[in-house]
Amino acid sequence: MAAHQAEGNHSGNGNWGRHPFNEPEWEHDRYFARLLPLRNIPVVKPFAQEVPLNLIEFSNILKAQLSAYDSDGFKEPVAIAMKGPGGMGFKRIQEIASEIVQVTKEYLESQPLIMILEEDCGKVLGQTLRVLTGGKCGVICLDQITADDGDYIDIGVPIMDGATVPVVIKTLIFENRD
């Protein structure tokens, strides 16, 4: 028996797609109309603890996790959850963002890039990803949210004049019949 249990409603902070430049309000609204809301997006958490320092290891683990969502060229939407870069400087965030873009390049042709971070670094990572992708894909980067591998996430439309986004994390629970 499987059931979805909402762990709670969270308000995601950070950068959920707003272009880092000051576009007109109508452009901003059109942008969100394309991306949000999103429902029942599977979450992958490639790194149980901190992000690996070795960028090759980072890339290989991320590729392996995302390959389960690639079927005959069809890329399913997926959210990538991580602790965050762990108190590292802007240079390290740029390196991690560059690796994420390289690993997800084909994926980004048809799906938005959805990042969920436990640490408070969503805005800087989201803006960096947006610049590295040339603004050609949707970037949603939420921080201060804990999600685990196998969870599902719903992301609502921005509220409070765009200051926050409602988020629901769902976990599958299986009955143990032993």
Protein backbone atom coordinates (compact mmCIF):
# COMPACT_ATOMS: atom_id res chain seq x y z
CA MET A 1 0.00 0.00 0.00
CA ALA A 2 1.42 3.36 -0.96
CA ALA A 3 0.28 6.77 0.11
CA HIS A 4 1.39 10.33 -0.40
CA GLN A 5 1.94 12.28 2.75
CA ALA A 6 2.52 15.98 2.61
CA GLU A 7 5.36 16.85 4.95
CA GLY A 8 4.05 20.36 5.02
CA ASN A 9 3.73 23.49 3.01
CA HIS A 10 6.96 25.35 2.64
CA SER A 11 7.64 28.73 1.20
CA GLY A 12 10.66 28.54 -1.03
CA ASN A 13 13.05 31.43 -0.97
CA GLY A 14 15.64 32.15 -3.57
CA ASN A 15 15.42 32.54 -7.31
CA TRP A 16 12.61 30.72 -9.07
CA GLY A 17 13.18 31.92 -12.54
CA ARG A 18 13.12 35.69 -12.35
CA HIS A 19 15.52 36.99 -14.91
CA PRO A 20 18.55 38.58 -13.21
CA PHE A 21 18.05 41.70 -15.29
CA ASN A 22 15.14 44.06 -14.79
CA GLU A 23 12.70 42.95 -17.46
CA PRO A 24 9.31 44.62 -17.79
CA GLU A 25 6.62 43.26 -15.46
CA TRP A 26 4.66 41.72 -18.35
CA GLU A 27 7.76 39.71 -19.37
CA HIS A 28 8.12 38.48 -15.80
CA ASP A 29 4.44 37.39 -15.71
CA ARG A 30 4.73 35.63 -19.07
CA TYR A 31 7.85 33.85 -17.86
CA PHE A 32 6.07 32.45 -14.79
CA ALA A 33 2.99 31.55 -16.81
CA ARG A 34 5.24 29.20 -18.79
CA LEU A 35 6.90 27.56 -15.78
CA LEU A 36 4.55 27.46 -12.83
CA PRO A 37 2.68 25.79 -11.29
CA LEU A 38 4.42 22.40 -11.40
CA ARG A 39 2.92 19.28 -9.82
CA ASN A 40 4.27 15.85 -8.84
CA ILE A 41 7.86 16.46 -9.91
CA PRO A 42 10.14 13.62 -8.74
CA VAL A 43 13.12 14.63 -6.61
CA VAL A 44 16.61 13.18 -6.97
CA LYS A 45 19.22 13.83 -4.33
CA PRO A 46 22.52 12.73 -5.85
CA PHE A 47 24.61 13.58 -2.78
CA ALA A 48 23.51 12.33 0.63
CA GLN A 49 25.78 14.79 2.42
CA GLU A 50 27.93 17.62 1.11
CA VAL A 51 28.54 18.26 -2.57
CA PRO A 52 31.76 16.43 -3.60
CA LEU A 53 34.82 18.65 -3.93
CA ASN A 54 35.93 16.76 -7.05
CA LEU A 55 33.97 18.12 -10.03
CA ILE A 56 34.39 14.90 -12.05
CA GLU A 57 32.85 12.91 -9.20
CA PHE A 58 30.09 15.55 -8.95
CA SER A 59 29.29 15.22 -12.68
CA ASN A 60 29.37 11.41 -12.74
CA ILE A 61 27.03 11.04 -9.77
CA LEU A 62 24.59 13.65 -11.12
CA LYS A 63 24.56 11.98 -14.59
CA ALA A 64 23.83 8.59 -13.04
CA GLN A 65 20.90 9.96 -11.01
CA LEU A 66 19.35 11.78 -13.98
CA SER A 67 19.72 8.84 -16.38
CA ALA A 68 16.72 7.12 -14.73
CA TYR A 69 14.54 9.99 -16.03
CA ASP A 70 15.74 9.74 -19.64
CA SER A 71 13.74 7.30 -21.73
CA ASP A 72 14.37 7.09 -25.48
CA GLY A 73 15.27 10.76 -25.63
CA PHE A 74 12.25 11.87 -23.59
CA LYS A 75 13.37 13.72 -20.52
CA GLU A 76 10.91 13.76 -17.64
CA PRO A 77 10.80 16.79 -15.35
CA VAL A 78 12.89 16.23 -12.25
CA ALA A 79 14.07 18.38 -9.34
CA ILE A 80 17.67 18.11 -8.16
CA ALA A 81 18.03 18.41 -4.37
CA MET A 82 21.33 19.20 -2.65
CA LYS A 83 22.57 20.55 0.64
CA GLY A 84 24.33 23.33 -1.22
CA PRO A 85 27.91 24.33 -1.82
CA GLY A 86 28.57 24.42 1.92
CA GLY A 87 29.92 27.83 2.81
CA MET A 88 32.09 27.94 -0.28
CA GLY A 89 32.72 31.15 -2.11
CA PHE A 90 31.25 32.49 -5.32
CA LYS A 91 33.97 30.82 -7.43
CA ARG A 92 32.92 27.39 -6.14
CA ILE A 93 29.24 28.16 -6.80
CA GLN A 94 30.19 29.13 -10.37
CA GLU A 95 32.08 25.83 -10.81
CA ILE A 96 29.14 23.80 -9.49
CA ALA A 97 26.69 25.74 -11.68
CA SER A 98 28.88 25.14 -14.72
CA GLU A 99 28.92 21.38 -14.05
CA ILE A 100 25.14 21.31 -13.56
CA VAL A 101 24.63 23.05 -16.90
CA GLN A 102 27.07 20.69 -18.67
CA VAL A 103 25.43 17.56 -17.23
CA THR A 104 21.88 18.77 -17.91
CA LYS A 105 22.51 20.37 -21.33
CA GLU A 106 20.30 17.94 -23.32
CA TYR A 107 17.73 17.79 -20.55
CA LEU A 108 17.38 21.59 -20.59
CA GLU A 109 16.27 21.52 -24.23
CA SER A 110 12.84 20.29 -23.11
CA GLN A 111 12.56 20.80 -19.33
CA PRO A 112 13.20 23.57 -16.80
CA LEU A 113 16.13 23.22 -14.43
CA ILE A 114 14.69 22.78 -10.92
CA MET A 115 17.13 23.01 -8.00
CA ILE A 116 16.19 22.54 -4.33
CA LEU A 117 18.80 23.55 -1.78
CA GLU A 118 18.91 23.16 1.98
CA GLU A 119 21.35 26.03 2.37
CA ASP A 120 20.59 29.70 1.81
CA CYS A 121 22.25 30.09 -1.61
CA GLY A 122 19.35 29.75 -4.07
CA LYS A 123 19.47 33.27 -5.40
CA VAL A 124 23.17 33.28 -6.28
CA LEU A 125 23.05 29.74 -7.73
CA GLY A 126 19.84 30.48 -9.64
CA GLN A 127 21.20 33.67 -11.15
CA THR A 128 24.47 31.96 -12.06
CA LEU A 129 22.59 29.08 -13.74
CA ARG A 130 20.41 31.57 -15.61
CA VAL A 131 23.46 33.40 -16.97
CA LEU A 132 25.25 30.15 -17.90
CA THR A 133 22.20 28.87 -19.80
CA GLY A 134 21.91 32.16 -21.63
CA GLY A 135 18.33 32.50 -20.43
CA LYS A 136 17.29 29.83 -22.95
CA CYS A 137 15.60 27.59 -20.41
CA GLY A 138 13.56 27.92 -17.26
CA VAL A 139 15.52 28.00 -14.01
CA ILE A 140 13.80 27.43 -10.68
CA CYS A 141 16.15 27.48 -7.71
CA LEU A 142 14.58 27.20 -4.25
CA ASP A 143 16.54 27.27 -1.02
CA GLN A 144 16.03 26.52 2.66
CA ILE A 145 14.02 23.40 1.77
CA THR A 146 14.91 19.82 2.66
CA ALA A 147 13.87 17.13 0.17
CA ASP A 148 15.09 13.57 -0.22
CA ASP A 149 15.61 11.17 -3.07
CA GLY A 150 12.23 9.69 -4.01
CA ASP A 151 10.15 12.62 -2.76
CA TYR A 152 7.82 14.58 -5.03
CA ILE A 153 7.44 18.35 -5.12
CA ASP A 154 4.67 20.75 -6.09
CA ILE A 155 5.66 24.35 -6.81
CA GLY A 156 2.88 26.92 -6.95
CA VAL A 157 2.74 30.33 -8.54
CA PRO A 158 4.54 33.16 -6.70
CA ILE A 159 2.57 34.93 -3.99
CA MET A 160 3.10 38.05 -1.87
CA ASP A 161 4.12 40.15 -4.88
CA GLY A 162 6.54 37.43 -6.01
CA ALA A 163 8.41 37.36 -2.69
CA THR A 164 7.70 33.68 -2.03
CA VAL A 165 6.57 30.50 -3.75
CA PRO A 166 4.34 27.89 -2.09
CA VAL A 167 6.01 24.48 -2.08
CA VAL A 168 4.69 21.07 -1.00
CA ILE A 169 7.07 18.15 -0.45
CA LYS A 170 5.44 14.70 -0.65
CA THR A 171 6.96 11.43 0.52
CA LEU A 172 5.79 7.95 -0.44
CA ILE A 173 5.11 5.77 2.57
CA PHE A 174 4.82 2.01 2.26
CA GLU A 175 3.10 -0.27 4.74
CA ASN A 176 5.41 -2.86 6.27
CA ARG A 177 3.58 -6.20 6.50
CA ASP A 178 6.27 -8.16 8.35
